Amino acid sequence: MQLFRFAIVGALVALVYVLAYVALLSLGMNQPLANAIAFLAAIALQYVGQASFTFGKRPNGPFLLHDRFGLLNRGVGHRNNRADA
C-alpha cells in the first residue's frame, strides 16, 4: 500500500510541475526561471505529500521543510538576529 501511495504522490507532483511550468511560461516568464520556480514548488509538494500521505508523518521545520535536507537553514536567521551580534 505504501508503494502505491508513493507512486500516486509522485505522479501528482509531476503533473503539478508540468502545469506550473507551462502556466509560468504562458505568463511570459523566461524558461530557466519558470523551471526553477516550478521545480522548487514540486520539491516542497513532494516532501509534504510523501511525509503526510505516504508515510503518515506530520511535516515539520520551517515552511514544512525539514532542516536535515538543508533547504532552509534557520541558523542564518538566528545568527543575524542575536542581540550580541
C-alpha atoms as a PDB file:
ATOM      1  CA  MET A   1       0.000   0.000   0.000  1.00  0.00           C
ATOM      2  CA  GLN A   2       2.849   2.377   0.793  1.00  0.00           C
ATOM      3  CA  LEU A   3       4.410   1.847  -2.629  1.00  0.00           C
ATOM      4  CA  PHE A   4       1.063   2.636  -4.263  1.00  0.00           C
ATOM      5  CA  ARG A   5       0.751   5.866  -2.227  1.00  0.00           C
ATOM      6  CA  PHE A   6       4.330   6.800  -3.114  1.00  0.00           C
ATOM      7  CA  ALA A   7       3.539   6.383  -6.816  1.00  0.00           C
ATOM      8  CA  ILE A   8       0.332   8.422  -6.559  1.00  0.00           C
ATOM      9  CA  VAL A   9       2.129  11.342  -4.906  1.00  0.00           C
ATOM     10  CA  GLY A  10       4.970  11.160  -7.425  1.00  0.00           C
ATOM     11  CA  ALA A  11       2.579  11.203 -10.389  1.00  0.00           C
ATOM     12  CA  LEU A  12       0.571  14.102  -8.978  1.00  0.00           C
ATOM     13  CA  VAL A  13       3.710  16.093  -8.256  1.00  0.00           C
ATOM     14  CA  ALA A  14       4.958  15.512 -11.812  1.00  0.00           C
ATOM     15  CA  LEU A  15       1.622  16.756 -13.149  1.00  0.00           C
ATOM     16  CA  VAL A  16       1.702  19.828 -10.909  1.00  0.00           C
ATOM     17  CA  TYR A  17       5.271  20.561 -12.004  1.00  0.00           C
ATOM     18  CA  VAL A  18       4.375  20.428 -15.707  1.00  0.00           C
ATOM     19  CA  LEU A  19       1.222  22.505 -15.243  1.00  0.00           C
ATOM     20  CA  ALA A  20       3.062  25.117 -13.166  1.00  0.00           C
ATOM     21  CA  TYR A  21       5.897  25.308 -15.697  1.00  0.00           C
ATOM     22  CA  VAL A  22       3.511  25.740 -18.626  1.00  0.00           C
ATOM     23  CA  ALA A  23       1.445  28.313 -16.709  1.00  0.00           C
ATOM     24  CA  LEU A  24       4.517  30.353 -15.839  1.00  0.00           C
ATOM     25  CA  LEU A  25       5.693  30.244 -19.454  1.00  0.00           C
ATOM     26  CA  SER A  26       2.281  31.390 -20.648  1.00  0.00           C
ATOM     27  CA  LEU A  27       2.548  34.364 -18.294  1.00  0.00           C
ATOM     28  CA  GLY A  28       5.694  35.396 -20.156  1.00  0.00           C
ATOM     29  CA  MET A  29       8.310  34.187 -17.700  1.00  0.00           C
ATOM     30  CA  ASN A  30      11.603  33.025 -19.194  1.00  0.00           C
ATOM     31  CA  GLN A  31      12.277  29.276 -19.296  1.00  0.00           C
ATOM     32  CA  PRO A  32      15.045  28.974 -16.668  1.00  0.00           C
ATOM     33  CA  LEU A  33      13.127  30.992 -14.080  1.00  0.00           C
ATOM     34  CA  ALA A  34       9.834  29.197 -14.788  1.00  0.00           C
ATOM     35  CA  ASN A  35      11.616  25.866 -14.467  1.00  0.00           C
ATOM     36  CA  ALA A  36      13.292  26.841 -11.189  1.00  0.00           C
ATOM     37  CA  ILE A  37      10.060  28.062  -9.601  1.00  0.00           C
ATOM     38  CA  ALA A  38       8.047  25.050 -10.762  1.00  0.00           C
ATOM     39  CA  PHE A  39      10.821  22.700  -9.613  1.00  0.00           C
ATOM     40  CA  LEU A  40      11.079  24.246  -6.136  1.00  0.00           C
ATOM     41  CA  ALA A  41       7.310  24.125  -5.754  1.00  0.00           C
ATOM     42  CA  ALA A  42       7.371  20.463  -6.810  1.00  0.00           C
ATOM     43  CA  ILE A  43      10.071  19.666  -4.238  1.00  0.00           C
ATOM     44  CA  ALA A  44       8.017  21.222  -1.442  1.00  0.00           C
ATOM     45  CA  LEU A  45       4.835  19.475  -2.578  1.00  0.00           C
ATOM     46  CA  GLN A  46       6.687  16.161  -2.887  1.00  0.00           C
ATOM     47  CA  TYR A  47       8.035  16.435   0.652  1.00  0.00           C
ATOM     48  CA  VAL A  48       4.688  17.318   2.191  1.00  0.00           C
ATOM     49  CA  GLY A  49       2.800  14.728   0.159  1.00  0.00           C
ATOM     50  CA  GLN A  50       5.209  11.888   0.832  1.00  0.00           C
ATOM     51  CA  ALA A  51       5.559  12.708   4.508  1.00  0.00           C
ATOM     52  CA  SER A  52       1.854  13.033   5.224  1.00  0.00           C
ATOM     53  CA  PHE A  53       0.093  10.766   2.701  1.00  0.00           C
ATOM     54  CA  THR A  54       2.683   8.060   2.071  1.00  0.00           C
ATOM     55  CA  PHE A  55       4.375   7.751   5.455  1.00  0.00           C
ATOM     56  CA  GLY A  56       1.734   9.235   7.774  1.00  0.00           C
ATOM     57  CA  LYS A  57       4.124  11.724   9.342  1.00  0.00           C
ATOM     58  CA  ARG A  58       3.464  15.376  10.050  1.00  0.00           C
ATOM     59  CA  PRO A  59       5.958  17.552   8.142  1.00  0.00           C
ATOM     60  CA  ASN A  60       7.919  19.855  10.416  1.00  0.00           C
ATOM     61  CA  GLY A  61      10.575  22.536  10.248  1.00  0.00           C
ATOM     62  CA  PRO A  62      10.422  25.991   8.703  1.00  0.00           C
ATOM     63  CA  PHE A  63       7.785  26.214   5.962  1.00  0.00           C
ATOM     64  CA  LEU A  64       7.186  22.463   6.405  1.00  0.00           C
ATOM     65  CA  LEU A  65      10.663  21.566   5.149  1.00  0.00           C
ATOM     66  CA  HIS A  66      12.842  19.508   7.448  1.00  0.00           C
ATOM     67  CA  ASP A  67      16.167  21.076   8.474  1.00  0.00           C
ATOM     68  CA  ARG A  68      18.218  17.991   7.666  1.00  0.00           C
ATOM     69  CA  PHE A  69      17.583  18.481   3.942  1.00  0.00           C
ATOM     70  CA  GLY A  70      19.362  21.822   4.093  1.00  0.00           C
ATOM     71  CA  LEU A  71      16.655  23.571   2.089  1.00  0.00           C
ATOM     72  CA  LEU A  72      16.097  26.240   4.703  1.00  0.00           C
ATOM     73  CA  ASN A  73      18.637  26.873   7.415  1.00  0.00           C
ATOM     74  CA  ARG A  74      17.232  28.625  10.450  1.00  0.00           C
ATOM     75  CA  GLY A  75      20.746  29.169  11.793  1.00  0.00           C
ATOM     76  CA  VAL A  76      21.366  32.095   9.444  1.00  0.00           C
ATOM     77  CA  GLY A  77      18.268  33.926  10.675  1.00  0.00           C
ATOM     78  CA  HIS A  78      19.065  33.214  14.311  1.00  0.00           C
ATOM     79  CA  ARG A  79      22.655  34.349  13.874  1.00  0.00           C
ATOM     80  CA  ASN A  80      21.620  37.635  12.293  1.00  0.00           C
ATOM     81  CA  ASN A  81      19.012  38.321  14.963  1.00  0.00           C
ATOM     82  CA  ARG A  82      21.171  37.749  18.038  1.00  0.00           C
ATOM     83  CA  ALA A  83      21.423  40.668  20.415  1.00  0.00           C
ATOM     84  CA  ASP A  84      25.193  40.242  20.838  1.00  0.00           C
ATOM     85  CA  ALA A  85      25.944  40.112  17.106  1.00  0.00           C
END
